[in-house]
């Protein structure tokens, strides 16, 4: 197994990063939470992970099985149907996820009108009132209970939080990566060539950043349904400018250094000089900003979903959960859970950003 050896400079940066205890532990906590959310389909789902039926192994998580396979007549099997469960268990067994709800699963057997209270606020008898035998019913188990309650449509809040966390982080990571690449290239071109190129580009950025992004999204939502990728494309159009100024300043500062002049004298192309010799110096300040750009991307998506101009209706969204909390003040668990998840996520990202800033600061010492 190959062992990656860090240079003296990178070892120093890693030690500085670890010395920021708050940022270091926030980094690992965030990684654990993100890894946990990546397993959302096998943690919270209304389909079994594995089914053994008449000697055959089935994988409902990845394959849609017709109900006729289990003696029914529908085109798609509803594994939550007690009739189908009895048929399968009579001829095999079922391995369920810990939570038997997906983000869009509607619980039609709630013990009270939706939005229903979290299960930990109910007695065992109240939580199991929907089952024929009450609390003695074997189906009244952990996975069938809504431990964080349901929203106003009867969907499990924990499942929507889990999928919403994954969706928000994935959206933020993709948006940050794409906008950073575009911003770095644009800033590099401006700073390296300077002159009229820099002047005209700056005027274009001034005009572009003055456009009201929210109003444009409101107008576009009247013509098209803003899906995940359409919304990502629109936000990339207006978020790539965040790193241009930083990269431009680094290239303007270093473009006339001796090693750059020597590279030109040796006949190296402008592209090679820009991205092989100058870009590594600019990446230090660029990487410092990335955790903050990621947190800003997550906040933007949440705000758009809260206002109703974000992802399509029904998508697992933290902003939509906060909107439900506002519309259902009699169900405070909706707003509280959404706020706690969002605040913890953004706090972790900000703490990681502070640790990265300290690690890349050349003036920082171990004292």
Protein backbone atom coordinates (compact mmCIF):
# COMPACT_ATOMS: atom_id res chain seq x y z
CA UNK A 1 0.00 0.00 0.00
CA UNK A 2 1.39 3.34 -1.04
CA UNK A 3 1.98 5.83 1.75
CA UNK A 4 1.47 9.48 0.94
CA UNK A 5 4.36 11.56 2.24
CA UNK A 6 3.67 15.19 2.97
CA UNK A 7 6.18 17.88 2.32
CA UNK A 8 7.51 19.94 5.22
CA UNK A 9 5.18 22.81 4.30
CA UNK A 10 2.10 20.59 4.14
CA UNK A 11 3.03 18.89 7.41
CA UNK A 12 3.23 22.30 9.01
CA UNK A 13 -0.19 23.18 7.61
CA UNK A 14 -1.70 19.92 8.86
CA UNK A 15 -0.29 20.51 12.34
CA UNK A 16 -1.73 24.04 12.38
CA UNK A 17 -5.08 22.66 11.23
CA UNK A 18 -5.09 20.10 14.06
CA UNK A 19 -4.15 22.76 16.61
CA UNK A 20 -7.45 24.48 15.90
CA UNK A 21 -9.38 21.93 17.96
CA UNK A 22 -12.78 23.38 17.17
CA UNK A 23 -12.19 23.27 13.42
CA UNK A 24 -10.45 19.89 13.53
CA UNK A 25 -13.28 18.14 15.35
CA UNK A 26 -15.88 20.00 13.27
CA UNK A 27 -14.21 18.58 10.17
CA UNK A 28 -14.53 15.01 11.40
CA UNK A 29 -18.06 15.50 12.72
CA UNK A 30 -19.13 16.92 9.37
CA UNK A 31 -17.51 13.99 7.53
CA UNK A 32 -19.31 11.50 9.77
CA UNK A 33 -22.67 13.25 9.24
CA UNK A 34 -22.14 13.42 5.49
CA UNK A 35 -21.13 9.74 5.35
CA UNK A 36 -24.23 8.90 7.40
CA UNK A 37 -26.43 10.84 4.96
CA UNK A 38 -24.85 9.02 2.01
CA UNK A 39 -26.36 5.85 3.48
CA UNK A 40 -29.83 7.43 3.55
CA UNK A 41 -31.40 4.84 1.17
CA UNK A 42 -30.42 1.98 3.49
CA UNK A 43 -31.24 3.87 6.70
CA UNK A 44 -34.64 5.35 5.85
CA UNK A 45 -36.65 3.73 3.08
CA UNK A 46 -40.10 2.28 2.48
CA UNK A 47 -38.54 -0.60 0.55
CA UNK A 48 -36.73 -3.54 2.15
CA UNK A 49 -32.98 -3.84 1.75
CA UNK A 50 -33.19 -7.55 0.98
CA UNK A 51 -36.04 -10.02 0.51
CA UNK A 52 -35.77 -13.80 0.44
CA UNK A 53 -38.90 -15.19 -1.23
CA UNK A 54 -39.35 -18.85 -2.18
CA UNK A 55 -35.61 -19.39 -2.22
CA UNK A 56 -34.91 -16.32 -4.38
CA UNK A 57 -33.05 -13.24 -3.16
CA UNK A 58 -34.58 -9.92 -4.24
CA UNK A 59 -33.18 -6.40 -3.96
CA UNK A 60 -36.11 -3.94 -3.83
CA UNK A 61 -33.81 -0.95 -3.22
CA UNK A 62 -32.48 -1.11 -6.77
CA UNK A 63 -35.15 -3.09 -8.66
CA UNK A 64 -38.88 -2.44 -9.02
CA UNK A 65 -40.70 -5.75 -8.68
CA UNK A 66 -44.29 -6.15 -9.94
CA UNK A 67 -46.80 -7.21 -7.32
CA UNK A 68 -47.76 -10.26 -9.36
CA UNK A 69 -44.46 -11.79 -8.20
CA UNK A 70 -46.04 -12.00 -4.75
CA UNK A 71 -49.52 -13.00 -5.89
CA UNK A 72 -50.91 -9.50 -6.50
CA UNK A 73 -51.87 -7.59 -9.61
CA UNK A 74 -50.30 -4.11 -9.37
CA UNK A 75 -47.40 -3.01 -11.57
CA UNK A 76 -45.31 -2.09 -8.53
CA UNK A 77 -45.11 -3.79 -5.16
CA UNK A 78 -46.01 -1.85 -2.04
CA UNK A 79 -43.89 -3.61 0.55
CA UNK A 80 -45.62 -1.67 3.35
CA UNK A 81 -48.89 -3.39 2.51
CA UNK A 82 -49.60 -5.94 5.28
CA UNK A 83 -50.92 -8.44 2.71
CA UNK A 84 -47.63 -8.41 0.80
CA UNK A 85 -45.64 -8.63 4.04
CA UNK A 86 -47.60 -11.66 5.19
CA UNK A 87 -47.12 -13.38 1.83
CA UNK A 88 -43.36 -12.79 1.85
CA UNK A 89 -42.90 -13.79 5.49
CA UNK A 90 -44.90 -16.97 4.88
CA UNK A 91 -42.44 -17.94 2.15
CA UNK A 92 -39.23 -16.30 3.32
CA UNK A 93 -38.09 -13.21 5.22
CA UNK A 94 -37.62 -9.43 4.88
CA UNK A 95 -34.65 -7.27 5.90
CA UNK A 96 -35.94 -3.74 6.49
CA UNK A 97 -34.00 -0.47 6.93
CA UNK A 98 -33.96 0.89 10.51
CA UNK A 99 -36.52 3.54 9.50
CA UNK A 100 -39.30 2.23 7.26
CA UNK A 101 -40.08 5.57 5.64
CA UNK A 102 -38.52 7.37 2.70
CA UNK A 103 -38.59 11.15 2.31
CA UNK A 104 -41.83 10.98 0.28
CA UNK A 105 -43.61 8.17 2.15
CA UNK A 106 -46.99 9.27 3.48
CA UNK A 107 -48.04 7.59 6.71
CA UNK A 108 -51.79 7.04 6.40
CA UNK A 109 -52.10 5.40 9.83
CA UNK A 110 -51.09 8.24 12.11
CA UNK A 111 -52.33 8.17 15.72
CA UNK A 112 -53.42 11.82 15.31
CA UNK A 113 -53.98 14.34 12.49
CA UNK A 114 -50.89 15.46 10.60
CA UNK A 115 -48.56 17.00 11.54
CA UNK A 116 -48.29 14.39 14.30
CA UNK A 117 -46.09 14.74 17.34
CA UNK A 118 -42.71 12.97 17.66
CA UNK A 119 -42.96 9.40 18.93
CA UNK A 120 -40.81 10.15 21.99
CA UNK A 121 -43.53 12.57 23.16
CA UNK A 122 -46.15 9.82 23.03
CA UNK A 123 -46.78 6.87 25.29
CA UNK A 124 -46.18 3.43 23.78
CA UNK A 125 -49.94 2.86 23.62
CA UNK A 126 -50.55 6.21 21.86
CA UNK A 127 -47.78 5.58 19.34
CA UNK A 128 -49.13 2.09 18.56
CA UNK A 129 -52.84 2.94 18.42
CA UNK A 130 -52.89 2.37 14.65
CA UNK A 131 -52.02 -1.32 15.07
CA UNK A 132 -54.78 -3.91 15.71
CA UNK A 133 -53.16 -5.23 18.88
CA UNK A 134 -51.94 -1.84 20.07
CA UNK A 135 -48.62 -1.82 21.91
CA UNK A 136 -48.55 -5.65 21.81
CA UNK A 137 -48.58 -5.74 18.02
CA UNK A 138 -45.21 -7.04 16.71
CA UNK A 139 -45.33 -4.41 13.93
CA UNK A 140 -45.15 -1.64 16.52
CA UNK A 141 -41.37 -1.40 16.40
CA UNK A 142 -38.71 1.25 16.08
CA UNK A 143 -38.80 1.47 12.28
CA UNK A 144 -42.55 2.03 12.06
CA UNK A 145 -42.62 4.95 14.50
CA UNK A 146 -42.17 8.59 13.48
CA UNK A 147 -39.53 9.49 16.06
CA UNK A 148 -39.36 13.16 15.03
CA UNK A 149 -43.02 13.33 14.07
CA UNK A 150 -44.48 14.00 10.64
CA UNK A 151 -44.97 17.10 8.53
CA UNK A 152 -48.37 18.45 7.48
CA UNK A 153 -48.58 15.83 4.71
CA UNK A 154 -47.88 12.86 6.96
CA UNK A 155 -44.26 12.34 5.84
CA UNK A 156 -41.61 11.27 8.34
CA UNK A 157 -39.54 14.25 9.50
CA UNK A 158 -36.39 12.22 10.28
CA UNK A 159 -36.33 10.73 6.78
CA UNK A 160 -36.82 14.16 5.19
CA UNK A 161 -34.05 15.63 7.36
CA UNK A 162 -31.67 12.83 6.41
CA UNK A 163 -32.31 13.13 2.68
CA UNK A 164 -32.49 16.94 2.91
CA UNK A 165 -29.06 17.09 4.55
CA UNK A 166 -27.60 14.95 1.76
CA UNK A 167 -29.28 17.01 -0.94
CA UNK A 168 -28.17 20.33 0.56
CA UNK A 169 -24.53 19.26 0.99
CA UNK A 170 -24.39 17.66 -2.47
CA UNK A 171 -25.89 20.78 -4.04
CA UNK A 172 -23.45 23.01 -2.15
CA UNK A 173 -20.42 20.89 -3.07
CA UNK A 174 -21.29 20.80 -6.78
CA UNK A 175 -22.09 24.51 -6.87
CA UNK A 176 -18.87 25.37 -5.01
CA UNK A 177 -16.74 23.19 -7.27
CA UNK A 178 -18.13 24.49 -10.56
CA UNK A 179 -18.26 28.15 -9.56
CA UNK A 180 -14.73 27.93 -8.10
CA UNK A 181 -13.28 26.50 -11.32
CA UNK A 182 -14.92 29.23 -13.41
CA UNK A 183 -13.94 31.95 -10.95
CA UNK A 184 -10.31 30.80 -10.75
CA UNK A 185 -9.95 30.71 -14.55
CA UNK A 186 -11.59 34.13 -14.94
CA UNK A 187 -9.46 35.69 -12.20
CA UNK A 188 -6.31 34.13 -13.62
CA UNK A 189 -6.96 35.55 -17.09
CA UNK A 190 -7.68 39.00 -15.67
CA UNK A 191 -4.70 39.15 -13.40
CA UNK A 192 -2.15 37.63 -15.78
CA UNK A 193 -2.91 39.72 -18.87
CA UNK A 194 -4.01 42.93 -17.12
CA UNK A 195 -4.48 46.04 -19.22
CA UNK A 196 -7.59 46.22 -21.35
CA UNK A 197 -8.43 42.58 -20.65
CA UNK A 198 -8.57 43.29 -16.95
CA UNK A 199 -10.44 46.58 -17.38
CA UNK A 200 -13.14 45.20 -19.67
CA UNK A 201 -13.57 42.08 -17.58
CA UNK A 202 -13.98 44.13 -14.40
CA UNK A 203 -16.66 46.30 -15.98
CA UNK A 204 -18.48 43.17 -17.13
CA UNK A 205 -18.33 41.72 -13.60
CA UNK A 206 -19.64 44.99 -12.15
CA UNK A 207 -22.65 44.84 -14.43
CA UNK A 208 -23.16 41.10 -13.93
CA UNK A 209 -23.07 41.22 -10.13
CA UNK A 210 -25.54 44.11 -10.06
CA UNK A 211 -28.27 41.92 -11.55
CA UNK A 212 -30.92 40.91 -8.96
CA UNK A 213 -30.55 37.13 -8.71
CA UNK A 214 -33.69 36.54 -6.64
CA UNK A 215 -35.92 38.51 -9.03
CA UNK A 216 -34.51 36.60 -11.98
CA UNK A 217 -35.25 33.30 -10.24
CA UNK A 218 -38.81 34.45 -9.53
CA UNK A 219 -39.27 35.36 -13.21
CA UNK A 220 -37.74 32.12 -14.46
CA UNK A 221 -39.86 30.02 -12.08
CA UNK A 222 -42.94 31.38 -13.85
CA UNK A 223 -41.77 29.78 -17.12
CA UNK A 224 -39.90 26.64 -16.05
CA UNK A 225 -39.92 24.23 -13.11
CA UNK A 226 -36.58 24.76 -11.31
CA UNK A 227 -35.26 21.20 -11.01
CA UNK A 228 -32.01 20.37 -9.21
CA UNK A 229 -29.83 20.84 -12.30
CA UNK A 230 -31.66 23.88 -13.65
CA UNK A 231 -31.41 25.60 -10.28
CA UNK A 232 -27.73 24.64 -10.07
CA UNK A 233 -27.08 26.10 -13.54
CA UNK A 234 -28.83 29.37 -12.68
CA UNK A 235 -26.93 29.80 -9.40
CA UNK A 236 -23.60 28.98 -11.06
CA UNK A 237 -24.23 31.87 -13.47
CA UNK A 238 -24.21 34.31 -10.56
CA UNK A 239 -21.91 32.67 -7.99
CA UNK A 240 -18.71 32.22 -10.03
CA UNK A 241 -17.63 35.82 -9.31
CA UNK A 242 -16.95 35.10 -5.62
CA UNK A 243 -13.33 34.01 -6.19
CA UNK A 244 -12.44 36.24 -9.12
CA UNK A 245 -11.17 39.13 -7.00
CA UNK A 246 -8.91 36.95 -4.85
CA UNK A 247 -7.31 35.11 -7.77
CA UNK A 248 -7.00 38.30 -9.83
CA UNK A 249 -5.11 40.04 -7.02
CA UNK A 250 -2.68 37.12 -6.63
CA UNK A 251 -1.95 37.02 -10.37
CA UNK A 252 -1.55 40.80 -10.60
CA UNK A 253 0.94 40.66 -7.74
CA UNK A 254 3.01 37.77 -9.08
CA UNK A 255 2.89 38.18 -12.86
CA UNK A 256 6.08 40.28 -12.96
CA UNK A 257 8.11 38.22 -10.50
CA UNK A 258 11.54 37.03 -11.61
CA UNK A 259 10.58 33.38 -12.01
CA UNK A 260 7.66 34.38 -14.27
CA UNK A 261 9.95 36.49 -16.46
CA UNK A 262 12.41 33.62 -16.60
CA UNK A 263 9.64 31.24 -17.68
CA UNK A 264 8.65 33.64 -20.47
CA UNK A 265 12.27 33.92 -21.57
CA UNK A 266 12.49 30.13 -21.78
CA UNK A 267 9.53 30.13 -24.18
CA UNK A 268 6.85 28.65 -21.91
CA UNK A 269 3.30 29.32 -23.06
CA UNK A 270 1.03 31.69 -21.16
CA UNK A 271 -1.28 28.82 -20.20
CA UNK A 272 1.58 26.80 -18.66
CA UNK A 273 2.90 29.83 -16.77
CA UNK A 274 -0.57 30.68 -15.46
CA UNK A 275 -1.65 27.24 -14.27
CA UNK A 276 1.66 25.58 -13.45
CA UNK A 277 3.65 28.39 -11.86
CA UNK A 278 1.21 31.11 -10.73
CA UNK A 279 -1.92 29.15 -9.82
CA UNK A 280 -0.34 27.19 -6.89
CA UNK A 281 0.37 30.51 -5.16
CA UNK A 282 -3.23 31.65 -5.68
CA UNK A 283 -4.73 28.38 -4.47
CA UNK A 284 -3.75 29.10 -0.87
CA UNK A 285 -6.15 32.03 -0.60
CA UNK A 286 -8.70 30.27 -2.81
CA UNK A 287 -8.94 27.14 -0.64
CA UNK A 288 -9.37 29.37 2.42
CA UNK A 289 -12.62 30.74 1.02
CA UNK A 290 -14.13 27.43 -0.10
CA UNK A 291 -15.74 26.30 3.20
CA UNK A 292 -17.42 29.70 3.46
CA UNK A 293 -18.59 29.48 -0.17
CA UNK A 294 -20.01 26.02 0.59
CA UNK A 295 -21.94 27.30 3.60
CA UNK A 296 -23.22 30.21 1.50
CA UNK A 297 -24.40 27.79 -1.20
CA UNK A 298 -26.32 25.72 1.33
CA UNK A 299 -27.88 28.87 2.78
CA UNK A 300 -28.91 30.07 -0.69
CA UNK A 301 -30.66 26.79 -1.50
CA UNK A 302 -32.40 26.76 1.88
CA UNK A 303 -33.59 30.36 1.45
CA UNK A 304 -34.95 29.66 -2.04
CA UNK A 305 -36.80 26.57 -0.83
CA UNK A 306 -38.19 28.52 2.11
CA UNK A 307 -39.53 31.20 -0.24
CA UNK A 308 -40.95 28.61 -2.63
CA UNK A 309 -38.60 29.28 -5.55
CA UNK A 310 -36.22 26.38 -5.02
CA UNK A 311 -36.49 22.66 -5.69
CA UNK A 312 -39.74 21.09 -6.96
CA UNK A 313 -42.51 20.41 -4.47
CA UNK A 314 -42.01 17.20 -2.55
CA UNK A 315 -38.21 17.31 -2.66
CA UNK A 316 -36.50 16.68 0.70
CA UNK A 317 -35.54 20.20 1.63
CA UNK A 318 -34.49 21.91 4.85
CA UNK A 319 -35.96 25.17 3.59
CA UNK A 320 -39.32 23.52 2.90
CA UNK A 321 -39.30 22.07 6.42
CA UNK A 322 -38.69 25.54 7.86
CA UNK A 323 -41.55 26.84 5.73
CA UNK A 324 -43.82 24.15 7.18
CA UNK A 325 -42.71 25.16 10.67
CA UNK A 326 -43.77 28.72 9.90
CA UNK A 327 -47.12 27.61 8.51
CA UNK A 328 -47.81 25.18 11.39
CA UNK A 329 -46.98 27.03 14.58
CA UNK A 330 -48.94 24.40 16.52
CA UNK A 331 -46.24 21.90 15.50
CA UNK A 332 -43.02 23.50 16.81
CA UNK A 333 -40.97 20.34 16.20
CA UNK A 334 -40.95 21.09 12.47
CA UNK A 335 -39.23 24.45 12.74
CA UNK A 336 -37.01 23.40 15.66
CA UNK A 337 -35.61 20.30 13.95
CA UNK A 338 -35.02 22.15 10.67
CA UNK A 339 -33.32 25.03 12.48
CA UNK A 340 -31.10 22.73 14.56
CA UNK A 341 -29.91 20.69 11.57
CA UNK A 342 -29.23 23.79 9.48
CA UNK A 343 -27.47 25.68 12.27
CA UNK A 344 -25.26 22.69 13.17
CA UNK A 345 -24.34 22.14 9.52
CA UNK A 346 -23.42 25.79 8.89
CA UNK A 347 -21.56 26.09 12.20
CA UNK A 348 -19.43 23.06 11.37
CA UNK A 349 -18.59 24.47 7.93
CA UNK A 350 -17.65 27.87 9.38
CA UNK A 351 -15.41 26.27 12.04
CA UNK A 352 -13.71 24.17 9.36
CA UNK A 353 -13.18 27.31 7.29
CA UNK A 354 -11.53 29.05 10.23
CA UNK A 355 -9.20 26.09 10.76
CA UNK A 356 -8.26 26.03 7.06
CA UNK A 357 -7.56 29.76 7.18
CA UNK A 358 -5.23 29.29 10.16
CA UNK A 359 -3.47 26.36 8.49
CA UNK A 360 -2.75 28.32 5.31
CA UNK A 361 -1.73 31.53 7.05
CA UNK A 362 2.09 31.84 6.64
CA UNK A 363 2.23 34.16 9.66
CA UNK A 364 0.71 31.56 11.97
CA UNK A 365 3.12 29.93 14.42
CA UNK A 366 2.90 26.99 16.81
CA UNK A 367 3.28 29.23 19.84
